Amino acid sequence: MSTPQEAAPVAAELSFKAIGAALQPVEDPEIHMSIVELGLIYGAKIEDVEGAKGKRVTVTMSLTSPACPYGPMLLAMVHGAVAKIPGVRTVDVDLSFNPLWDPRTYASEEAKDKLGIF
């Protein structure tokens, strides 16, 4: 059984901020920008896994288009990045096109600037 001192680092590392930081290096291979900055990550949910150490993380994301040829690769990259976070037991990546991704709405100001959107 773990003591509160042992459990604290995992709890501190597994957060929405940690998920965002883990996903920051994942880039759209056509645009060469972070999927976080592009606004392709719609949200994340952290849940307990009954009877197991670690948490289940469900990431909801979109792609730049429903026909994106790199979709399966991006989903795998997101899964892999989140799975490496200490305290994560399982990862689910849900793909959503509701609402459709629009860089004018979802991309960061820096990403809009790089994309030439004013």
PDB file of N, CA and C in Angstrom:
ATOM      1  N   MET A   1       0.841  -1.185   0.000  1.00  0.00           N
ATOM      2  CA  MET A   1       0.000   0.000   0.000  1.00  0.00           C
ATOM      3  C   MET A   1       0.879   1.238   0.000  1.00  0.00           C
ATOM      4  N   SER A   2       0.537   2.209  -0.795  1.00  0.00           N
ATOM      5  CA  SER A   2       1.367   3.403  -0.897  1.00  0.00           C
ATOM      6  C   SER A   2       0.998   4.406   0.186  1.00  0.00           C
ATOM      7  N   THR A   3       1.991   5.156   0.575  1.00  0.00           N
ATOM      8  CA  THR A   3       1.769   6.216   1.558  1.00  0.00           C
ATOM      9  C   THR A   3       1.361   7.470   0.826  1.00  0.00           C
ATOM     10  N   PRO A   4       0.795   8.468   1.530  1.00  0.00           N
ATOM     11  CA  PRO A   4       0.428   9.721   0.862  1.00  0.00           C
ATOM     12  C   PRO A   4       1.610  10.395   0.174  1.00  0.00           C
ATOM     13  N   GLN A   5       2.824  10.218   0.744  1.00  0.00           N
ATOM     14  CA  GLN A   5       3.992  10.839   0.113  1.00  0.00           C
ATOM     15  C   GLN A   5       4.287  10.190  -1.236  1.00  0.00           C
ATOM     16  N   GLU A   6       4.070   8.860  -1.356  1.00  0.00           N
ATOM     17  CA  GLU A   6       4.323   8.180  -2.618  1.00  0.00           C
ATOM     18  C   GLU A   6       3.257   8.508  -3.653  1.00  0.00           C
ATOM     19  N   ALA A   7       2.018   8.693  -3.211  1.00  0.00           N
ATOM     20  CA  ALA A   7       0.915   8.946  -4.139  1.00  0.00           C
ATOM     21  C   ALA A   7       0.919  10.377  -4.666  1.00  0.00           C
ATOM     22  N   ALA A   8       1.464  11.306  -3.921  1.00  0.00           N
ATOM     23  CA  ALA A   8       1.409  12.721  -4.293  1.00  0.00           C
ATOM     24  C   ALA A   8       2.060  13.024  -5.645  1.00  0.00           C
ATOM     25  N   PRO A   9       3.285  12.499  -5.964  1.00  0.00           N
ATOM     26  CA  PRO A   9       3.884  12.841  -7.256  1.00  0.00           C
ATOM     27  C   PRO A   9       3.041  12.406  -8.441  1.00  0.00           C
ATOM     28  N   VAL A  10       2.429  11.221  -8.378  1.00  0.00           N
ATOM     29  CA  VAL A  10       1.597  10.760  -9.491  1.00  0.00           C
ATOM     30  C   VAL A  10       0.403  11.683  -9.659  1.00  0.00           C
ATOM     31  N   ALA A  11      -0.251  12.038  -8.544  1.00  0.00           N
ATOM     32  CA  ALA A  11      -1.407  12.928  -8.612  1.00  0.00           C
ATOM     33  C   ALA A  11      -1.015  14.277  -9.192  1.00  0.00           C
ATOM     34  N   ALA A  12       0.181  14.756  -8.827  1.00  0.00           N
ATOM     35  CA  ALA A  12       0.628  16.055  -9.325  1.00  0.00           C
ATOM     36  C   ALA A  12       0.935  15.989 -10.819  1.00  0.00           C
ATOM     37  N   GLU A  13       1.468  14.843 -11.291  1.00  0.00           N
ATOM     38  CA  GLU A  13       1.844  14.719 -12.690  1.00  0.00           C
ATOM     39  C   GLU A  13       0.646  14.481 -13.595  1.00  0.00           C
ATOM     40  N   LEU A  14      -0.363  13.752 -13.096  1.00  0.00           N
ATOM     41  CA  LEU A  14      -1.515  13.451 -13.932  1.00  0.00           C
ATOM     42  C   LEU A  14      -2.566  14.533 -13.750  1.00  0.00           C
ATOM     43  N   SER A  15      -2.559  15.462 -14.675  1.00  0.00           N
ATOM     44  CA  SER A  15      -3.484  16.586 -14.651  1.00  0.00           C
ATOM     45  C   SER A  15      -3.788  16.976 -16.092  1.00  0.00           C
ATOM     46  N   PHE A  16      -4.760  17.850 -16.250  1.00  0.00           N
ATOM     47  CA  PHE A  16      -5.066  18.323 -17.602  1.00  0.00           C
ATOM     48  C   PHE A  16      -3.880  19.090 -18.175  1.00  0.00           C
ATOM     49  N   LYS A  17      -3.146  19.773 -17.312  1.00  0.00           N
ATOM     50  CA  LYS A  17      -1.952  20.494 -17.757  1.00  0.00           C
ATOM     51  C   LYS A  17      -0.895  19.510 -18.268  1.00  0.00           C
ATOM     52  N   ALA A  18      -0.738  18.373 -17.548  1.00  0.00           N
ATOM     53  CA  ALA A  18       0.226  17.355 -17.973  1.00  0.00           C
ATOM     54  C   ALA A  18      -0.187  16.733 -19.307  1.00  0.00           C
ATOM     55  N   ILE A  19      -1.482  16.535 -19.491  1.00  0.00           N
ATOM     56  CA  ILE A  19      -1.974  15.981 -20.760  1.00  0.00           C
ATOM     57  C   ILE A  19      -1.678  16.956 -21.895  1.00  0.00           C
ATOM     58  N   GLY A  20      -1.962  18.239 -21.678  1.00  0.00           N
ATOM     59  CA  GLY A  20      -1.670  19.252 -22.689  1.00  0.00           C
ATOM     60  C   GLY A  20      -0.187  19.323 -23.012  1.00  0.00           C
ATOM     61  N   ALA A  21       0.649  19.240 -21.976  1.00  0.00           N
ATOM     62  CA  ALA A  21       2.099  19.285 -22.184  1.00  0.00           C
ATOM     63  C   ALA A  21       2.575  18.056 -22.962  1.00  0.00           C
ATOM     64  N   ALA A  22       1.996  16.891 -22.674  1.00  0.00           N
ATOM     65  CA  ALA A  22       2.384  15.671 -23.385  1.00  0.00           C
ATOM     66  C   ALA A  22       1.976  15.728 -24.854  1.00  0.00           C
ATOM     67  N   LEU A  23       0.865  16.412 -25.138  1.00  0.00           N
ATOM     68  CA  LEU A  23       0.367  16.492 -26.518  1.00  0.00           C
ATOM     69  C   LEU A  23       0.983  17.641 -27.312  1.00  0.00           C
ATOM     70  N   GLN A  24       1.597  18.594 -26.643  1.00  0.00           N
ATOM     71  CA  GLN A  24       2.170  19.773 -27.318  1.00  0.00           C
ATOM     72  C   GLN A  24       3.145  19.402 -28.434  1.00  0.00           C
ATOM     73  N   PRO A  25       4.018  18.409 -28.257  1.00  0.00           N
ATOM     74  CA  PRO A  25       4.961  18.072 -29.341  1.00  0.00           C
ATOM     75  C   PRO A  25       4.337  17.339 -30.535  1.00  0.00           C
ATOM     76  N   VAL A  26       3.108  16.854 -30.388  1.00  0.00           N
ATOM     77  CA  VAL A  26       2.471  16.125 -31.485  1.00  0.00           C
ATOM     78  C   VAL A  26       2.050  17.140 -32.550  1.00  0.00           C
ATOM     79  N   GLU A  27       2.585  16.976 -33.752  1.00  0.00           N
ATOM     80  CA  GLU A  27       2.317  17.939 -34.825  1.00  0.00           C
ATOM     81  C   GLU A  27       1.491  17.326 -35.942  1.00  0.00           C
ATOM     82  N   ASP A  28       0.664  18.160 -36.542  1.00  0.00           N
ATOM     83  CA  ASP A  28      -0.017  17.773 -37.771  1.00  0.00           C
ATOM     84  C   ASP A  28       1.071  17.696 -38.839  1.00  0.00           C
ATOM     85  N   PRO A  29       1.234  16.550 -39.499  1.00  0.00           N
ATOM     86  CA  PRO A  29       2.339  16.398 -40.441  1.00  0.00           C
ATOM     87  C   PRO A  29       2.227  17.237 -41.709  1.00  0.00           C
ATOM     88  N   GLU A  30       1.047  17.708 -42.040  1.00  0.00           N
ATOM     89  CA  GLU A  30       0.903  18.551 -43.232  1.00  0.00           C
ATOM     90  C   GLU A  30       1.127  20.026 -42.910  1.00  0.00           C
ATOM     91  N   ILE A  31       0.653  20.458 -41.746  1.00  0.00           N
ATOM     92  CA  ILE A  31       0.752  21.874 -41.377  1.00  0.00           C
ATOM     93  C   ILE A  31       2.020  22.152 -40.572  1.00  0.00           C
ATOM     94  N   HIS A  32       2.595  21.116 -39.966  1.00  0.00           N
ATOM     95  CA  HIS A  32       3.812  21.225 -39.149  1.00  0.00           C
ATOM     96  C   HIS A  32       3.615  22.153 -37.954  1.00  0.00           C
ATOM     97  N   MET A  33       2.455  21.991 -37.308  1.00  0.00           N
ATOM     98  CA  MET A  33       2.159  22.751 -36.101  1.00  0.00           C
ATOM     99  C   MET A  33       1.560  21.807 -35.071  1.00  0.00           C
ATOM    100  N   SER A  34       1.715  22.162 -33.807  1.00  0.00           N
ATOM    101  CA  SER A  34       1.187  21.351 -32.719  1.00  0.00           C
ATOM    102  C   SER A  34      -0.329  21.205 -32.828  1.00  0.00           C
ATOM    103  N   ILE A  35      -0.822  19.999 -32.596  1.00  0.00           N
ATOM    104  CA  ILE A  35      -2.266  19.789 -32.623  1.00  0.00           C
ATOM    105  C   ILE A  35      -2.954  20.529 -31.487  1.00  0.00           C
ATOM    106  N   VAL A  36      -2.212  20.808 -30.410  1.00  0.00           N
ATOM    107  CA  VAL A  36      -2.767  21.603 -29.303  1.00  0.00           C
ATOM    108  C   VAL A  36      -2.966  23.039 -29.770  1.00  0.00           C
ATOM    109  N   GLU A  37      -1.938  23.626 -30.395  1.00  0.00           N
ATOM    110  CA  GLU A  37      -2.022  25.004 -30.880  1.00  0.00           C
ATOM    111  C   GLU A  37      -3.072  25.149 -31.978  1.00  0.00           C
ATOM    112  N   LEU A  38      -3.244  24.101 -32.767  1.00  0.00           N
ATOM    113  CA  LEU A  38      -4.253  24.146 -33.823  1.00  0.00           C
ATOM    114  C   LEU A  38      -5.673  24.020 -33.271  1.00  0.00           C
ATOM    115  N   GLY A  39      -5.793  23.617 -32.018  1.00  0.00           N
ATOM    116  CA  GLY A  39      -7.112  23.469 -31.417  1.00  0.00           C
ATOM    117  C   GLY A  39      -7.796  22.168 -31.779  1.00  0.00           C
ATOM    118  N   LEU A  40      -7.013  21.158 -32.131  1.00  0.00           N
ATOM    119  CA  LEU A  40      -7.585  19.868 -32.504  1.00  0.00           C
ATOM    120  C   LEU A  40      -7.944  19.007 -31.288  1.00  0.00           C
ATOM    121  N   ILE A  41      -7.455  19.394 -30.122  1.00  0.00           N
ATOM    122  CA  ILE A  41      -7.810  18.680 -28.893  1.00  0.00           C
ATOM    123  C   ILE A  41      -9.019  19.384 -28.298  1.00  0.00           C
ATOM    124  N   TYR A  42     -10.137  18.677 -28.262  1.00  0.00           N
ATOM    125  CA  TYR A  42     -11.389  19.253 -27.764  1.00  0.00           C
ATOM    126  C   TYR A  42     -11.548  19.093 -26.260  1.00  0.00           C
ATOM    127  N   GLY A  43     -10.885  18.113 -25.667  1.00  0.00           N
ATOM    128  CA  GLY A  43     -10.985  17.930 -24.228  1.00  0.00           C
ATOM    129  C   GLY A  43     -10.387  16.612 -23.795  1.00  0.00           C
ATOM    130  N   ALA A  44     -10.342  16.431 -22.473  1.00  0.00           N
ATOM    131  CA  ALA A  44      -9.834  15.197 -21.894  1.00  0.00           C
ATOM    132  C   ALA A  44     -10.604  14.905 -20.616  1.00  0.00           C
ATOM    133  N   LYS A  45     -10.720  13.628 -20.311  1.00  0.00           N
ATOM    134  CA  LYS A  45     -11.394  13.202 -19.101  1.00  0.00           C
ATOM    135  C   LYS A  45     -10.456  12.243 -18.378  1.00  0.00           C
ATOM    136  N   ILE A  46     -10.313  12.431 -17.071  1.00  0.00           N
ATOM    137  CA  ILE A  46      -9.481  11.574 -16.241  1.00  0.00           C
ATOM    138  C   ILE A  46     -10.401  10.824 -15.288  1.00  0.00           C
ATOM    139  N   GLU A  47     -10.309   9.492 -15.295  1.00  0.00           N
ATOM    140  CA  GLU A  47     -11.176   8.667 -14.448  1.00  0.00           C
ATOM    141  C   GLU A  47     -10.365   7.609 -13.723  1.00  0.00           C
ATOM    142  N   ASP A  48     -10.882   7.173 -12.579  1.00  0.00           N
ATOM    143  CA  ASP A  48     -10.285   6.050 -11.875  1.00  0.00           C
ATOM    144  C   ASP A  48     -10.559   4.767 -12.648  1.00  0.00           C
ATOM    145  N   VAL A  49      -9.627   3.833 -12.564  1.00  0.00           N
ATOM    146  CA  VAL A  49      -9.820   2.503 -13.128  1.00  0.00           C
ATOM    147  C   VAL A  49     -10.075   1.582 -11.950  1.00  0.00           C
ATOM    148  N   GLU A  50     -11.259   1.011 -11.899  1.00  0.00           N
ATOM    149  CA  GLU A  50     -11.649   0.186 -10.766  1.00  0.00           C
ATOM    150  C   GLU A  50     -10.692  -0.994 -10.592  1.00  0.00           C
ATOM    151  N   GLY A  51     -10.182  -1.121  -9.368  1.00  0.00           N
ATOM    152  CA  GLY A  51      -9.321  -2.247  -9.028  1.00  0.00           C
ATOM    153  C   GLY A  51      -7.924  -2.187  -9.619  1.00  0.00           C
ATOM    154  N   ALA A  52      -7.502  -1.051 -10.135  1.00  0.00           N
ATOM    155  CA  ALA A  52      -6.180  -0.954 -10.749  1.00  0.00           C
ATOM    156  C   ALA A  52      -5.503   0.344 -10.338  1.00  0.00           C
ATOM    157  N   LYS A  53      -4.191   0.304 -10.319  1.00  0.00           N
ATOM    158  CA  LYS A  53      -3.427   1.532 -10.103  1.00  0.00           C
ATOM    159  C   LYS A  53      -3.452   2.317 -11.401  1.00  0.00           C
ATOM    160  N   GLY A  54      -3.511   3.602 -11.290  1.00  0.00           N
ATOM    161  CA  GLY A  54      -3.498   4.441 -12.473  1.00  0.00           C
ATOM    162  C   GLY A  54      -4.889   4.870 -12.888  1.00  0.00           C
ATOM    163  N   LYS A  55      -4.931   5.752 -13.839  1.00  0.00           N
ATOM    164  CA  LYS A  55      -6.179   6.360 -14.297  1.00  0.00           C
ATOM    165  C   LYS A  55      -6.418   6.052 -15.770  1.00  0.00           C
ATOM    166  N   ARG A  56      -7.685   6.181 -16.154  1.00  0.00           N
ATOM    167  CA  ARG A  56      -8.064   6.104 -17.561  1.00  0.00           C
ATOM    168  C   ARG A  56      -8.178   7.542 -18.062  1.00  0.00           C
ATOM    169  N   VAL A  57      -7.550   7.827 -19.165  1.00  0.00           N
ATOM    170  CA  VAL A  57      -7.636   9.148 -19.784  1.00  0.00           C
ATOM    171  C   VAL A  57      -8.322   8.984 -21.133  1.00  0.00           C
ATOM    172  N   THR A  58      -9.358   9.772 -21.341  1.00  0.00           N
ATOM    173  CA  THR A  58     -10.048   9.794 -22.628  1.00  0.00           C
ATOM    174  C   THR A  58      -9.828  11.167 -23.240  1.00  0.00           C
ATOM    175  N   VAL A  59      -9.213  11.198 -24.400  1.00  0.00           N
ATOM    176  CA  VAL A  59      -8.949  12.449 -25.113  1.00  0.00           C
ATOM    177  C   VAL A  59      -9.949  12.535 -26.263  1.00  0.00           C
ATOM    178  N   THR A  60     -10.626  13.667 -26.369  1.00  0.00           N
ATOM    179  CA  THR A  60     -11.522  13.914 -27.496  1.00  0.00           C
ATOM    180  C   THR A  60     -10.817  14.898 -28.418  1.00  0.00           C
ATOM    181  N   MET A  61     -10.717  14.519 -29.672  1.00  0.00           N
ATOM    182  CA  MET A  61      -9.995  15.362 -30.629  1.00  0.00           C
ATOM    183  C   MET A  61     -10.679  15.331 -31.977  1.00  0.00           C
ATOM    184  N   SER A  62     -10.218  16.227 -32.841  1.00  0.00           N
ATOM    185  CA  SER A  62     -10.703  16.273 -34.203  1.00  0.00           C
ATOM    186  C   SER A  62      -9.499  16.247 -35.138  1.00  0.00           C
ATOM    187  N   LEU A  63      -9.768  16.291 -36.409  1.00  0.00           N
ATOM    188  CA  LEU A  63      -8.734  16.385 -37.430  1.00  0.00           C
ATOM    189  C   LEU A  63      -9.021  17.634 -38.261  1.00  0.00           C
ATOM    190  N   THR A  64      -8.056  18.061 -39.038  1.00  0.00           N
ATOM    191  CA  THR A  64      -8.266  19.257 -39.855  1.00  0.00           C
ATOM    192  C   THR A  64      -9.356  19.048 -40.890  1.00  0.00           C
ATOM    193  N   SER A  65      -9.587  17.776 -41.273  1.00  0.00           N
ATOM    194  CA  SER A  65     -10.707  17.441 -42.154  1.00  0.00           C
ATOM    195  C   SER A  65     -11.080  15.985 -41.913  1.00  0.00           C
ATOM    196  N   PRO A  66     -12.347  15.630 -42.132  1.00  0.00           N
ATOM    197  CA  PRO A  66     -12.743  14.233 -41.949  1.00  0.00           C
ATOM    198  C   PRO A  66     -11.977  13.266 -42.852  1.00  0.00           C
ATOM    199  N   ALA A  67     -11.475  13.742 -43.971  1.00  0.00           N
ATOM    200  CA  ALA A  67     -10.743  12.883 -44.897  1.00  0.00           C
ATOM    201  C   ALA A  67      -9.223  12.965 -44.718  1.00  0.00           C
ATOM    202  N   CYS A  68      -8.786  13.467 -43.584  1.00  0.00           N
ATOM    203  CA  CYS A  68      -7.352  13.630 -43.335  1.00  0.00           C
ATOM    204  C   CYS A  68      -6.626  12.292 -43.492  1.00  0.00           C
ATOM    205  N   PRO A  69      -5.666  12.200 -44.413  1.00  0.00           N
ATOM    206  CA  PRO A  69      -4.972  10.925 -44.628  1.00  0.00           C
ATOM    207  C   PRO A  69      -4.071  10.526 -43.460  1.00  0.00           C
ATOM    208  N   TYR A  70      -3.738  11.476 -42.605  1.00  0.00           N
ATOM    209  CA  TYR A  70      -2.876  11.198 -41.465  1.00  0.00           C
ATOM    210  C   TYR A  70      -3.666  10.920 -40.191  1.00  0.00           C
ATOM    211  N   GLY A  71      -4.982  10.832 -40.289  1.00  0.00           N
ATOM    212  CA  GLY A  71      -5.833  10.617 -39.121  1.00  0.00           C
ATOM    213  C   GLY A  71      -5.404   9.445 -38.250  1.00  0.00           C
ATOM    214  N   PRO A  72      -5.270   8.243 -38.800  1.00  0.00           N
ATOM    215  CA  PRO A  72      -4.870   7.110 -37.962  1.00  0.00           C
ATOM    216  C   PRO A  72      -3.516   7.325 -37.279  1.00  0.00           C
ATOM    217  N   MET A  73      -2.584   7.944 -37.991  1.00  0.00           N
ATOM    218  CA  MET A  73      -1.275   8.208 -37.412  1.00  0.00           C
ATOM    219  C   MET A  73      -1.377   9.207 -36.258  1.00  0.00           C
ATOM    220  N   LEU A  74      -2.173  10.264 -36.442  1.00  0.00           N
ATOM    221  CA  LEU A  74      -2.338  11.254 -35.373  1.00  0.00           C
ATOM    222  C   LEU A  74      -3.005  10.640 -34.143  1.00  0.00           C
ATOM    223  N   LEU A  75      -4.013   9.815 -34.349  1.00  0.00           N
ATOM    224  CA  LEU A  75      -4.670   9.145 -33.224  1.00  0.00           C
ATOM    225  C   LEU A  75      -3.666   8.291 -32.462  1.00  0.00           C
ATOM    226  N   ALA A  76      -2.823   7.568 -33.178  1.00  0.00           N
ATOM    227  CA  ALA A  76      -1.804   6.737 -32.537  1.00  0.00           C
ATOM    228  C   ALA A  76      -0.774   7.582 -31.792  1.00  0.00           C
ATOM    229  N   MET A  77      -0.402   8.719 -32.354  1.00  0.00           N
ATOM    230  CA  MET A  77       0.557   9.605 -31.701  1.00  0.00           C
ATOM    231  C   MET A  77      -0.024  10.177 -30.410  1.00  0.00           C
ATOM    232  N   VAL A  78      -1.293  10.560 -30.434  1.00  0.00           N
ATOM    233  CA  VAL A  78      -1.958  11.075 -29.236  1.00  0.00           C
ATOM    234  C   VAL A  78      -2.019   9.981 -28.173  1.00  0.00           C
ATOM    235  N   HIS A  79      -2.430   8.789 -28.580  1.00  0.00           N
ATOM    236  CA  HIS A  79      -2.491   7.663 -27.653  1.00  0.00           C
ATOM    237  C   HIS A  79      -1.131   7.424 -26.997  1.00  0.00           C
ATOM    238  N   GLY A  80      -0.087   7.368 -27.803  1.00  0.00           N
ATOM    239  CA  GLY A  80       1.255   7.115 -27.291  1.00  0.00           C
ATOM    240  C   GLY A  80       1.759   8.200 -26.361  1.00  0.00           C
ATOM    241  N   ALA A  81       1.489   9.450 -26.693  1.00  0.00           N
ATOM    242  CA  ALA A  81       1.953  10.566 -25.862  1.00  0.00           C
ATOM    243  C   ALA A  81       1.283  10.553 -24.497  1.00  0.00           C
ATOM    244  N   VAL A  82      -0.013  10.292 -24.461  1.00  0.00           N
ATOM    245  CA  VAL A  82      -0.740  10.279 -23.188  1.00  0.00           C
ATOM    246  C   VAL A  82      -0.372   9.044 -22.371  1.00  0.00           C
ATOM    247  N   ALA A  83      -0.155   7.918 -23.037  1.00  0.00           N
ATOM    248  CA  ALA A  83       0.185   6.682 -22.330  1.00  0.00           C
ATOM    249  C   ALA A  83       1.503   6.786 -21.577  1.00  0.00           C
ATOM    250  N   LYS A  84       2.385   7.685 -21.979  1.00  0.00           N
ATOM    251  CA  LYS A  84       3.690   7.845 -21.321  1.00  0.00           C
ATOM    252  C   LYS A  84       3.611   8.674 -20.036  1.00  0.00           C
ATOM    253  N   ILE A  85       2.489   9.326 -19.776  1.00  0.00           N
ATOM    254  CA  ILE A  85       2.363  10.159 -18.583  1.00  0.00           C
ATOM    255  C   ILE A  85       2.283   9.261 -17.355  1.00  0.00           C
ATOM    256  N   PRO A  86       3.115   9.521 -16.341  1.00  0.00           N
ATOM    257  CA  PRO A  86       3.040   8.713 -15.121  1.00  0.00           C
ATOM    258  C   PRO A  86       1.633   8.761 -14.514  1.00  0.00           C
ATOM    259  N   GLY A  87       1.147   7.608 -14.106  1.00  0.00           N
ATOM    260  CA  GLY A  87      -0.164   7.522 -13.491  1.00  0.00           C
ATOM    261  C   GLY A  87      -1.280   7.156 -14.444  1.00  0.00           C
ATOM    262  N   VAL A  88      -0.972   7.061 -15.740  1.00  0.00           N
ATOM    263  CA  VAL A  88      -1.992   6.689 -16.724  1.00  0.00           C
ATOM    264  C   VAL A  88      -1.971   5.176 -16.900  1.00  0.00           C
ATOM    265  N   ARG A  89      -3.111   4.561 -16.749  1.00  0.00           N
ATOM    266  CA  ARG A  89      -3.252   3.100 -16.915  1.00  0.00           C
ATOM    267  C   ARG A  89      -3.759   2.762 -18.319  1.00  0.00           C
ATOM    268  N   THR A  90      -4.815   3.455 -18.756  1.00  0.00           N
ATOM    269  CA  THR A  90      -5.378   3.211 -20.083  1.00  0.00           C
ATOM    270  C   THR A  90      -5.678   4.537 -20.765  1.00  0.00           C
ATOM    271  N   VAL A  91      -5.660   4.502 -22.095  1.00  0.00           N
ATOM    272  CA  VAL A  91      -5.921   5.700 -22.893  1.00  0.00           C
ATOM    273  C   VAL A  91      -6.949   5.360 -23.960  1.00  0.00           C
ATOM    274  N   ASP A  92      -7.941   6.216 -24.085  1.00  0.00           N
ATOM    275  CA  ASP A  92      -8.900   6.138 -25.180  1.00  0.00           C
ATOM    276  C   ASP A  92      -8.819   7.462 -25.934  1.00  0.00           C
ATOM    277  N   VAL A  93      -8.828   7.390 -27.239  1.00  0.00           N
ATOM    278  CA  VAL A  93      -8.842   8.601 -28.063  1.00  0.00           C
ATOM    279  C   VAL A  93     -10.124   8.569 -28.876  1.00  0.00           C
ATOM    280  N   ASP A  94     -10.996   9.534 -28.593  1.00  0.00           N
ATOM    281  CA  ASP A  94     -12.273   9.637 -29.306  1.00  0.00           C
ATOM    282  C   ASP A  94     -12.157  10.702 -30.381  1.00  0.00           C
ATOM    283  N   LEU A  95     -12.515  10.340 -31.593  1.00  0.00           N
ATOM    284  CA  LEU A  95     -12.489  11.261 -32.710  1.00  0.00           C
ATOM    285  C   LEU A  95     -13.866  11.888 -32.864  1.00  0.00           C
ATOM    286  N   SER A  96     -13.904  13.214 -32.937  1.00  0.00           N
ATOM    287  CA  SER A  96     -15.184  13.918 -33.055  1.00  0.00           C
ATOM    288  C   SER A  96     -15.105  14.960 -34.168  1.00  0.00           C
ATOM    289  N   PHE A  97     -16.180  15.050 -34.913  1.00  0.00           N
ATOM    290  CA  PHE A  97     -16.294  16.114 -35.914  1.00  0.00           C
ATOM    291  C   PHE A  97     -17.487  16.997 -35.593  1.00  0.00           C
ATOM    292  N   ASN A  98     -17.866  16.994 -34.336  1.00  0.00           N
ATOM    293  CA  ASN A  98     -18.984  17.816 -33.874  1.00  0.00           C
ATOM    294  C   ASN A  98     -18.510  18.669 -32.713  1.00  0.00           C
ATOM    295  N   PRO A  99     -18.197  19.911 -32.966  1.00  0.00           N
ATOM    296  CA  PRO A  99     -18.312  20.637 -34.226  1.00  0.00           C
ATOM    297  C   PRO A  99     -17.112  20.371 -35.135  1.00  0.00           C
ATOM    298  N   LEU A 100     -17.294  20.690 -36.403  1.00  0.00           N
ATOM    299  CA  LEU A 100     -16.185  20.600 -37.344  1.00  0.00           C
ATOM    300  C   LEU A 100     -15.094  21.580 -36.930  1.00  0.00           C
ATOM    301  N   TRP A 101     -13.846  21.151 -37.083  1.00  0.00           N
ATOM    302  CA  TRP A 101     -12.729  22.009 -36.727  1.00  0.00           C
ATOM    303  C   TRP A 101     -12.660  23.201 -37.682  1.00  0.00           C
ATOM    304  N   ASP A 102     -12.480  24.374 -37.116  1.00  0.00           N
ATOM    305  CA  ASP A 102     -12.325  25.603 -37.891  1.00  0.00           C
ATOM    306  C   ASP A 102     -11.181  26.385 -37.246  1.00  0.00           C
ATOM    307  N   PRO A 103     -10.087  26.600 -37.955  1.00  0.00           N
ATOM    308  CA  PRO A 103      -8.943  27.271 -37.335  1.00  0.00           C
ATOM    309  C   PRO A 103      -9.262  28.685 -36.849  1.00  0.00           C
ATOM    310  N   ARG A 104     -10.238  29.339 -37.462  1.00  0.00           N
ATOM    311  CA  ARG A 104     -10.600  30.688 -37.005  1.00  0.00           C
ATOM    312  C   ARG A 104     -11.206  30.660 -35.616  1.00  0.00           C
ATOM    313  N   THR A 105     -11.791  29.542 -35.249  1.00  0.00           N
ATOM    314  CA  THR A 105     -12.441  29.399 -33.952  1.00  0.00           C
ATOM    315  C   THR A 105     -11.549  28.695 -32.933  1.00  0.00           C
ATOM    316  N   TYR A 106     -10.855  27.639 -33.331  1.00  0.00           N
ATOM    317  CA  TYR A 106     -10.176  26.769 -32.380  1.00  0.00           C
ATOM    318  C   TYR A 106      -8.668  26.965 -32.255  1.00  0.00           C
ATOM    319  N   ALA A 107      -8.012  27.478 -33.271  1.00  0.00           N
ATOM    320  CA  ALA A 107      -6.557  27.626 -33.219  1.00  0.00           C
ATOM    321  C   ALA A 107      -6.160  28.768 -32.280  1.00  0.00           C
ATOM    322  N   SER A 108      -4.978  28.623 -31.686  1.00  0.00           N
ATOM    323  CA  SER A 108      -4.451  29.686 -30.827  1.00  0.00           C
ATOM    324  C   SER A 108      -4.113  30.902 -31.682  1.00  0.00           C
ATOM    325  N   GLU A 109      -3.925  32.029 -31.035  1.00  0.00           N
ATOM    326  CA  GLU A 109      -3.574  33.253 -31.768  1.00  0.00           C
ATOM    327  C   GLU A 109      -2.254  33.083 -32.510  1.00  0.00           C
ATOM    328  N   GLU A 110      -1.298  32.398 -31.887  1.00  0.00           N
ATOM    329  CA  GLU A 110      -0.011  32.152 -32.537  1.00  0.00           C
ATOM    330  C   GLU A 110      -0.198  31.274 -33.778  1.00  0.00           C
ATOM    331  N   ALA A 111      -1.016  30.248 -33.657  1.00  0.00           N
ATOM    332  CA  ALA A 111      -1.267  29.369 -34.806  1.00  0.00           C
ATOM    333  C   ALA A 111      -1.977  30.129 -35.929  1.00  0.00           C
ATOM    334  N   LYS A 112      -2.950  30.959 -35.555  1.00  0.00           N
ATOM    335  CA  LYS A 112      -3.637  31.758 -36.578  1.00  0.00           C
ATOM    336  C   LYS A 112      -2.654  32.652 -37.306  1.00  0.00           C
ATOM    337  N   ASP A 113      -1.731  33.240 -36.554  1.00  0.00           N
ATOM    338  CA  ASP A 113      -0.723  34.109 -37.155  1.00  0.00           C
ATOM    339  C   ASP A 113       0.147  33.320 -38.147  1.00  0.00           C
ATOM    340  N   LYS A 114       0.571  32.129 -37.744  1.00  0.00           N
ATOM    341  CA  LYS A 114       1.389  31.290 -38.625  1.00  0.00           C
ATOM    342  C   LYS A 114       0.626  30.833 -39.856  1.00  0.00           C
ATOM    343  N   LEU A 115      -0.694  30.638 -39.689  1.00  0.00           N
ATOM    344  CA  LEU A 115      -1.540  30.204 -40.810  1.00  0.00           C
ATOM    345  C   LEU A 115      -1.988  31.373 -41.684  1.00  0.00           C
ATOM    346  N   GLY A 116      -1.696  32.593 -41.245  1.00  0.00           N
ATOM    347  CA  GLY A 116      -2.109  33.772 -42.009  1.00  0.00           C
ATOM    348  C   GLY A 116      -3.569  34.124 -41.843  1.00  0.00           C
ATOM    349  N   ILE A 117      -4.159  33.731 -40.708  1.00  0.00           N
ATOM    350  CA  ILE A 117      -5.567  34.036 -40.429  1.00  0.00           C
ATOM    351  C   ILE A 117      -5.623  35.269 -39.528  1.00  0.00           C
ATOM    352  N   PHE A 118      -6.344  36.262 -39.964  1.00  0.00           N
ATOM    353  CA  PHE A 118      -6.422  37.521 -39.183  1.00  0.00           C
ATOM    354  C   PHE A 118      -7.810  37.763 -38.690  1.00  0.00           C
TER     355      PHE A 118
END
